[in-house]
Amino acid sequence: MGERKGVNKYYPPDFNPEKHGSLNRYHKSHPLRERARKLSQGILIIRFEMPYNIWCDGCKNHIGMGVRYNAEKKKVGNYYTTPIYRFRMKCHLCINYIEMQTDPANCDYVIVSGAQRKEERWDMADNEQVLTTEHEKKQKLETDAMFRLEHGEADRSTLKKALPTLSHIQEAQSAWKDDFALNSMLRKRFRVSGLQLRTGTTGRWWAPDIANMES
């Protein structure tokens, strides 16, 4: 469909490419139009999407993750060489303004003012989830033999504690390993019970005990 779109631009008779350079310079307008009206102050208007659930301090209403706003974006600092940006937007339910900024150190957004975060974070270590190895810890594992030995002992003890749970999961999965044979057995029992219903040899519908199919 690209060839059907009108991509031609109107060039006025007094347009001089050597003098004006582009149509935007001729019309004395920015290519971003209204989004760049505060560009002289270092502010760009962008479309900002709420990164998590929050509570507005003005109207006390809940604002869900993914709600989009027209936000003023400006640079407020650096984390090493990574810029830190701040976003200012107006709540769509009241006149309160919400300010948030990036947190490159933790790969997150933090609320500066105007709202409170709905706490839905958890500690991966408390949930016994697999943690990614930090850069400092990785370097220490490569250079410090004693630390590497202690880290290996801790990993082996964690594995030893998790073995009963893993064995239980493997046993539960092994019962359904041959799913084709179990499905065939189940369909065969359903055919027999359906035949009994049609011939009147039984008075009720019964469901086979799937757990005892292999017996």
C-alpha atoms as a PDB file:
ATOM      1  CA  MET A   1       0.000   0.000   0.000  1.00  0.00           C
ATOM      2  CA  GLY A   2       3.010   2.288   0.229  1.00  0.00           C
ATOM      3  CA  GLU A   3       2.852   3.228  -3.445  1.00  0.00           C
ATOM      4  CA  ARG A   4      -0.741   4.484  -3.023  1.00  0.00           C
ATOM      5  CA  LYS A   5       0.081   7.005  -0.325  1.00  0.00           C
ATOM      6  CA  GLY A   6       0.540  10.634  -1.204  1.00  0.00           C
ATOM      7  CA  VAL A   7       4.171  11.352  -0.405  1.00  0.00           C
ATOM      8  CA  ASN A   8       4.553  14.423  -2.594  1.00  0.00           C
ATOM      9  CA  LYS A   9       5.073  17.759  -0.853  1.00  0.00           C
ATOM     10  CA  TYR A  10       3.961  21.162  -2.025  1.00  0.00           C
ATOM     11  CA  TYR A  11       6.820  23.569  -2.621  1.00  0.00           C
ATOM     12  CA  PRO A  12       5.701  27.225  -2.815  1.00  0.00           C
ATOM     13  CA  PRO A  13       6.890  29.326  -5.764  1.00  0.00           C
ATOM     14  CA  ASP A  14       9.216  31.387  -3.551  1.00  0.00           C
ATOM     15  CA  PHE A  15      10.868  28.308  -2.001  1.00  0.00           C
ATOM     16  CA  ASN A  16      14.617  28.349  -2.519  1.00  0.00           C
ATOM     17  CA  PRO A  17      16.457  25.164  -1.497  1.00  0.00           C
ATOM     18  CA  GLU A  18      19.765  27.017  -1.205  1.00  0.00           C
ATOM     19  CA  LYS A  19      18.200  29.609   1.094  1.00  0.00           C
ATOM     20  CA  HIS A  20      15.658  27.585   3.072  1.00  0.00           C
ATOM     21  CA  GLY A  21      17.161  24.092   2.935  1.00  0.00           C
ATOM     22  CA  SER A  22      13.897  22.337   3.869  1.00  0.00           C
ATOM     23  CA  LEU A  23      10.168  22.981   4.072  1.00  0.00           C
ATOM     24  CA  ASN A  24      10.338  22.986   7.860  1.00  0.00           C
ATOM     25  CA  ARG A  25      12.825  25.849   7.801  1.00  0.00           C
ATOM     26  CA  TYR A  26      10.725  27.619   5.181  1.00  0.00           C
ATOM     27  CA  HIS A  27       7.610  27.405   7.402  1.00  0.00           C
ATOM     28  CA  LYS A  28       9.747  28.151  10.504  1.00  0.00           C
ATOM     29  CA  SER A  29       8.505  25.029  12.234  1.00  0.00           C
ATOM     30  CA  HIS A  30      10.177  22.062  13.909  1.00  0.00           C
ATOM     31  CA  PRO A  31       9.848  18.583  12.352  1.00  0.00           C
ATOM     32  CA  LEU A  32       8.269  17.353  15.623  1.00  0.00           C
ATOM     33  CA  ARG A  33       5.660  20.162  15.554  1.00  0.00           C
ATOM     34  CA  GLU A  34       3.933  20.630  18.939  1.00  0.00           C
ATOM     35  CA  ARG A  35       6.043  17.979  20.614  1.00  0.00           C
ATOM     36  CA  ALA A  36       9.037  20.308  20.396  1.00  0.00           C
ATOM     37  CA  ARG A  37       7.374  23.471  21.741  1.00  0.00           C
ATOM     38  CA  LYS A  38       9.512  23.315  24.918  1.00  0.00           C
ATOM     39  CA  LEU A  39      12.679  22.086  23.279  1.00  0.00           C
ATOM     40  CA  SER A  40      14.471  25.330  24.156  1.00  0.00           C
ATOM     41  CA  GLN A  41      14.072  24.326  27.822  1.00  0.00           C
ATOM     42  CA  GLY A  42      15.455  20.839  27.154  1.00  0.00           C
ATOM     43  CA  ILE A  43      11.962  19.267  27.298  1.00  0.00           C
ATOM     44  CA  LEU A  44      10.528  16.959  24.656  1.00  0.00           C
ATOM     45  CA  ILE A  45       6.886  15.814  24.667  1.00  0.00           C
ATOM     46  CA  ILE A  46       6.717  12.034  24.321  1.00  0.00           C
ATOM     47  CA  ARG A  47       4.187   9.245  24.736  1.00  0.00           C
ATOM     48  CA  PHE A  48       4.945   7.598  28.096  1.00  0.00           C
ATOM     49  CA  GLU A  49       3.578   4.220  29.162  1.00  0.00           C
ATOM     50  CA  MET A  50       3.155   3.536  32.875  1.00  0.00           C
ATOM     51  CA  PRO A  51       5.732   0.837  33.782  1.00  0.00           C
ATOM     52  CA  TYR A  52       3.837  -0.529  36.817  1.00  0.00           C
ATOM     53  CA  ASN A  53       0.673  -0.051  38.886  1.00  0.00           C
ATOM     54  CA  ILE A  54       0.531   3.126  40.960  1.00  0.00           C
ATOM     55  CA  TRP A  55      -1.835   5.105  43.213  1.00  0.00           C
ATOM     56  CA  CYS A  56      -2.337   8.788  42.374  1.00  0.00           C
ATOM     57  CA  ASP A  57      -1.713  11.112  45.359  1.00  0.00           C
ATOM     58  CA  GLY A  58      -4.242  13.639  44.063  1.00  0.00           C
ATOM     59  CA  CYS A  59      -7.409  11.598  43.532  1.00  0.00           C
ATOM     60  CA  LYS A  60      -6.257   8.378  45.290  1.00  0.00           C
ATOM     61  CA  ASN A  61      -7.316   6.371  42.243  1.00  0.00           C
ATOM     62  CA  HIS A  62      -5.511   3.356  40.874  1.00  0.00           C
ATOM     63  CA  ILE A  63      -3.622   3.770  37.594  1.00  0.00           C
ATOM     64  CA  GLY A  64      -2.798   0.499  35.916  1.00  0.00           C
ATOM     65  CA  MET A  65       0.381  -0.556  34.204  1.00  0.00           C
ATOM     66  CA  GLY A  66       0.314   0.269  30.491  1.00  0.00           C
ATOM     67  CA  VAL A  67      -1.780   3.462  30.715  1.00  0.00           C
ATOM     68  CA  ARG A  68      -0.274   6.046  28.362  1.00  0.00           C
ATOM     69  CA  TYR A  69       0.256   9.753  28.881  1.00  0.00           C
ATOM     70  CA  ASN A  70       1.703  12.723  27.050  1.00  0.00           C
ATOM     71  CA  ALA A  71       4.749  13.370  29.233  1.00  0.00           C
ATOM     72  CA  GLU A  72       7.463  15.998  29.351  1.00  0.00           C
ATOM     73  CA  LYS A  73      10.836  14.292  29.070  1.00  0.00           C
ATOM     74  CA  LYS A  74      14.076  15.951  30.165  1.00  0.00           C
ATOM     75  CA  LYS A  75      17.555  14.850  31.144  1.00  0.00           C
ATOM     76  CA  VAL A  76      18.387  15.362  34.839  1.00  0.00           C
ATOM     77  CA  GLY A  77      21.729  13.579  35.218  1.00  0.00           C
ATOM     78  CA  ASN A  78      23.906  10.604  34.409  1.00  0.00           C
ATOM     79  CA  TYR A  79      24.640   7.223  35.898  1.00  0.00           C
ATOM     80  CA  TYR A  80      28.208   6.768  34.707  1.00  0.00           C
ATOM     81  CA  THR A  81      27.637   7.326  30.973  1.00  0.00           C
ATOM     82  CA  THR A  82      23.925   6.403  30.941  1.00  0.00           C
ATOM     83  CA  PRO A  83      21.594   9.439  30.963  1.00  0.00           C
ATOM     84  CA  ILE A  84      18.856   9.704  33.596  1.00  0.00           C
ATOM     85  CA  TYR A  85      15.543  11.007  32.250  1.00  0.00           C
ATOM     86  CA  ARG A  86      12.629  12.480  34.174  1.00  0.00           C
ATOM     87  CA  PHE A  87       9.022  12.331  32.965  1.00  0.00           C
ATOM     88  CA  ARG A  88       6.267  14.701  34.082  1.00  0.00           C
ATOM     89  CA  MET A  89       2.649  13.941  33.215  1.00  0.00           C
ATOM     90  CA  LYS A  90      -0.827  14.969  34.352  1.00  0.00           C
ATOM     91  CA  CYS A  91      -3.191  12.399  35.847  1.00  0.00           C
ATOM     92  CA  HIS A  92      -6.152  11.766  33.538  1.00  0.00           C
ATOM     93  CA  LEU A  93      -8.531  11.612  36.529  1.00  0.00           C
ATOM     94  CA  CYS A  94      -7.519  14.808  38.365  1.00  0.00           C
ATOM     95  CA  ILE A  95      -5.257  17.850  38.137  1.00  0.00           C
ATOM     96  CA  ASN A  96      -2.348  16.188  39.945  1.00  0.00           C
ATOM     97  CA  TYR A  97       1.018  15.902  38.198  1.00  0.00           C
ATOM     98  CA  ILE A  98       3.125  12.751  38.446  1.00  0.00           C
ATOM     99  CA  GLU A  99       6.899  12.759  38.087  1.00  0.00           C
ATOM    100  CA  MET A 100       8.979   9.644  37.454  1.00  0.00           C
ATOM    101  CA  GLN A 101      12.547   9.080  36.408  1.00  0.00           C
ATOM    102  CA  THR A 102      14.705   6.249  35.184  1.00  0.00           C
ATOM    103  CA  ASP A 103      16.935   4.263  37.529  1.00  0.00           C
ATOM    104  CA  PRO A 104      19.694   2.749  35.371  1.00  0.00           C
ATOM    105  CA  ALA A 105      21.447   1.226  38.398  1.00  0.00           C
ATOM    106  CA  ASN A 106      18.479  -1.079  39.067  1.00  0.00           C
ATOM    107  CA  CYS A 107      16.998  -1.149  35.539  1.00  0.00           C
ATOM    108  CA  ASP A 108      13.769   0.358  36.896  1.00  0.00           C
ATOM    109  CA  TYR A 109      11.668   3.521  37.199  1.00  0.00           C
ATOM    110  CA  VAL A 110      11.310   5.450  40.455  1.00  0.00           C
ATOM    111  CA  ILE A 111       8.505   7.822  41.439  1.00  0.00           C
ATOM    112  CA  VAL A 112       9.753  11.311  42.292  1.00  0.00           C
ATOM    113  CA  SER A 113       6.435  12.882  43.315  1.00  0.00           C
ATOM    114  CA  GLY A 114       2.686  12.763  42.789  1.00  0.00           C
ATOM    115  CA  ALA A 115       2.060   9.029  43.195  1.00  0.00           C
ATOM    116  CA  GLN A 116       2.849   5.895  45.179  1.00  0.00           C
ATOM    117  CA  ARG A 117       3.906   2.581  43.736  1.00  0.00           C
ATOM    118  CA  LYS A 118       1.682  -0.444  44.254  1.00  0.00           C
ATOM    119  CA  GLU A 119       4.194  -2.796  45.831  1.00  0.00           C
ATOM    120  CA  GLU A 120       4.264  -5.996  43.806  1.00  0.00           C
ATOM    121  CA  ARG A 121       7.990  -6.703  43.911  1.00  0.00           C
ATOM    122  CA  TRP A 122       9.520  -9.713  45.605  1.00  0.00           C
ATOM    123  CA  ASP A 123      12.953 -10.937  46.544  1.00  0.00           C
ATOM    124  CA  MET A 124      14.108 -13.717  44.232  1.00  0.00           C
ATOM    125  CA  ALA A 125      16.327 -15.143  46.954  1.00  0.00           C
ATOM    126  CA  ASP A 126      13.396 -15.469  49.367  1.00  0.00           C
ATOM    127  CA  ASN A 127      11.392 -17.290  46.678  1.00  0.00           C
ATOM    128  CA  GLU A 128      14.322 -19.660  46.037  1.00  0.00           C
ATOM    129  CA  GLN A 129      14.532 -18.565  42.411  1.00  0.00           C
ATOM    130  CA  VAL A 130      17.647 -18.777  40.279  1.00  0.00           C
ATOM    131  CA  LEU A 131      19.607 -15.544  40.641  1.00  0.00           C
ATOM    132  CA  THR A 132      21.795 -14.074  37.942  1.00  0.00           C
ATOM    133  CA  THR A 133      25.453 -13.765  38.864  1.00  0.00           C
ATOM    134  CA  GLU A 134      26.489 -10.164  39.409  1.00  0.00           C
ATOM    135  CA  HIS A 135      29.539  -8.783  37.619  1.00  0.00           C
ATOM    136  CA  GLU A 136      31.591  -8.331  40.805  1.00  0.00           C
ATOM    137  CA  LYS A 137      30.713 -11.810  42.009  1.00  0.00           C
ATOM    138  CA  LYS A 138      31.586 -13.288  38.625  1.00  0.00           C
ATOM    139  CA  GLN A 139      34.997 -11.626  38.667  1.00  0.00           C
ATOM    140  CA  LYS A 140      35.594 -12.910  42.202  1.00  0.00           C
ATOM    141  CA  LEU A 141      34.679 -16.440  41.122  1.00  0.00           C
ATOM    142  CA  GLU A 142      37.268 -16.224  38.337  1.00  0.00           C
ATOM    143  CA  THR A 143      40.101 -14.872  40.489  1.00  0.00           C
ATOM    144  CA  ASP A 144      39.514 -16.097  44.066  1.00  0.00           C
ATOM    145  CA  ALA A 145      39.960 -19.873  44.402  1.00  0.00           C
ATOM    146  CA  MET A 146      38.764 -19.980  48.019  1.00  0.00           C
ATOM    147  CA  PHE A 147      35.600 -18.042  47.213  1.00  0.00           C
ATOM    148  CA  ARG A 148      34.973 -20.341  44.232  1.00  0.00           C
ATOM    149  CA  LEU A 149      35.307 -23.381  46.511  1.00  0.00           C
ATOM    150  CA  GLU A 150      32.885 -21.936  49.090  1.00  0.00           C
ATOM    151  CA  HIS A 151      30.442 -20.969  46.350  1.00  0.00           C
ATOM    152  CA  GLY A 152      30.554 -24.514  44.955  1.00  0.00           C
ATOM    153  CA  GLU A 153      29.863 -26.006  48.396  1.00  0.00           C
ATOM    154  CA  ALA A 154      26.853 -23.695  48.805  1.00  0.00           C
ATOM    155  CA  ASP A 155      25.507 -24.728  45.394  1.00  0.00           C
ATOM    156  CA  ARG A 156      25.886 -28.422  46.251  1.00  0.00           C
ATOM    157  CA  SER A 157      24.051 -27.980  49.559  1.00  0.00           C
ATOM    158  CA  THR A 158      21.225 -26.142  47.775  1.00  0.00           C
ATOM    159  CA  LEU A 159      20.977 -28.974  45.254  1.00  0.00           C
ATOM    160  CA  LYS A 160      20.923 -31.562  48.052  1.00  0.00           C
ATOM    161  CA  LYS A 161      17.998 -29.790  49.721  1.00  0.00           C
ATOM    162  CA  ALA A 162      16.094 -29.602  46.435  1.00  0.00           C
ATOM    163  CA  LEU A 163      16.623 -33.249  45.422  1.00  0.00           C
ATOM    164  CA  PRO A 164      13.513 -34.654  47.231  1.00  0.00           C
ATOM    165  CA  THR A 165      11.295 -32.081  45.521  1.00  0.00           C
ATOM    166  CA  LEU A 166      12.875 -32.745  42.135  1.00  0.00           C
ATOM    167  CA  SER A 167      12.463 -36.503  42.588  1.00  0.00           C
ATOM    168  CA  HIS A 168       8.793 -36.058  43.461  1.00  0.00           C
ATOM    169  CA  ILE A 169       8.245 -33.948  40.331  1.00  0.00           C
ATOM    170  CA  GLN A 170      10.024 -36.513  38.163  1.00  0.00           C
ATOM    171  CA  GLU A 171       7.889 -39.336  39.581  1.00  0.00           C
ATOM    172  CA  ALA A 172       4.706 -37.385  38.932  1.00  0.00           C
ATOM    173  CA  GLN A 173       5.785 -36.671  35.361  1.00  0.00           C
ATOM    174  CA  SER A 174       6.822 -40.270  34.687  1.00  0.00           C
ATOM    175  CA  ALA A 175       3.221 -41.424  35.220  1.00  0.00           C
ATOM    176  CA  TRP A 176       2.215 -39.412  32.137  1.00  0.00           C
ATOM    177  CA  LYS A 177       5.335 -40.080  30.100  1.00  0.00           C
ATOM    178  CA  ASP A 178       3.606 -42.287  27.487  1.00  0.00           C
ATOM    179  CA  ASP A 179       0.665 -39.954  26.852  1.00  0.00           C
ATOM    180  CA  PHE A 180      -0.316 -41.745  23.604  1.00  0.00           C
ATOM    181  CA  ALA A 181      -0.860 -45.067  25.405  1.00  0.00           C
ATOM    182  CA  LEU A 182      -2.800 -43.377  28.212  1.00  0.00           C
ATOM    183  CA  ASN A 183      -4.994 -41.554  25.705  1.00  0.00           C
ATOM    184  CA  SER A 184      -5.670 -44.773  23.808  1.00  0.00           C
ATOM    185  CA  MET A 185      -6.615 -46.566  27.032  1.00  0.00           C
ATOM    186  CA  LEU A 186      -8.922 -43.739  28.073  1.00  0.00           C
ATOM    187  CA  ARG A 187     -10.707 -43.669  24.691  1.00  0.00           C
ATOM    188  CA  LYS A 188     -11.113 -47.465  24.820  1.00  0.00           C
ATOM    189  CA  ARG A 189     -12.811 -47.281  28.236  1.00  0.00           C
ATOM    190  CA  PHE A 190     -15.061 -44.472  27.011  1.00  0.00           C
ATOM    191  CA  ARG A 191     -16.121 -46.593  24.025  1.00  0.00           C
ATOM    192  CA  VAL A 192     -16.948 -49.517  26.308  1.00  0.00           C
ATOM    193  CA  SER A 193     -18.954 -47.351  28.687  1.00  0.00           C
ATOM    194  CA  GLY A 194     -20.751 -45.683  25.757  1.00  0.00           C
ATOM    195  CA  LEU A 195     -21.677 -49.088  24.358  1.00  0.00           C
ATOM    196  CA  GLN A 196     -23.016 -50.133  27.753  1.00  0.00           C
ATOM    197  CA  LEU A 197     -25.161 -46.994  27.906  1.00  0.00           C
ATOM    198  CA  ARG A 198     -26.610 -47.604  24.455  1.00  0.00           C
ATOM    199  CA  THR A 199     -27.380 -51.277  25.153  1.00  0.00           C
ATOM    200  CA  GLY A 200     -28.752 -50.540  28.618  1.00  0.00           C
ATOM    201  CA  THR A 201     -26.395 -52.901  30.402  1.00  0.00           C
ATOM    202  CA  THR A 202     -25.446 -50.255  32.934  1.00  0.00           C
ATOM    203  CA  GLY A 203     -27.523 -47.664  34.697  1.00  0.00           C
ATOM    204  CA  ARG A 204     -25.073 -44.768  35.100  1.00  0.00           C
ATOM    205  CA  TRP A 205     -22.185 -43.048  33.421  1.00  0.00           C
ATOM    206  CA  TRP A 206     -18.883 -43.710  35.114  1.00  0.00           C
ATOM    207  CA  ALA A 207     -15.517 -42.019  34.734  1.00  0.00           C
ATOM    208  CA  PRO A 208     -12.455 -44.280  34.674  1.00  0.00           C
ATOM    209  CA  ASP A 209      -9.799 -43.859  37.333  1.00  0.00           C
ATOM    210  CA  ILE A 210      -6.947 -42.357  35.335  1.00  0.00           C
ATOM    211  CA  ALA A 211      -4.440 -42.858  38.144  1.00  0.00           C
ATOM    212  CA  ASN A 212      -4.960 -46.659  38.025  1.00  0.00           C
ATOM    213  CA  MET A 213      -4.929 -47.034  34.232  1.00  0.00           C
ATOM    214  CA  GLU A 214      -1.561 -48.702  34.162  1.00  0.00           C
ATOM    215  CA  SER A 215      -2.693 -51.456  36.545  1.00  0.00           C
END
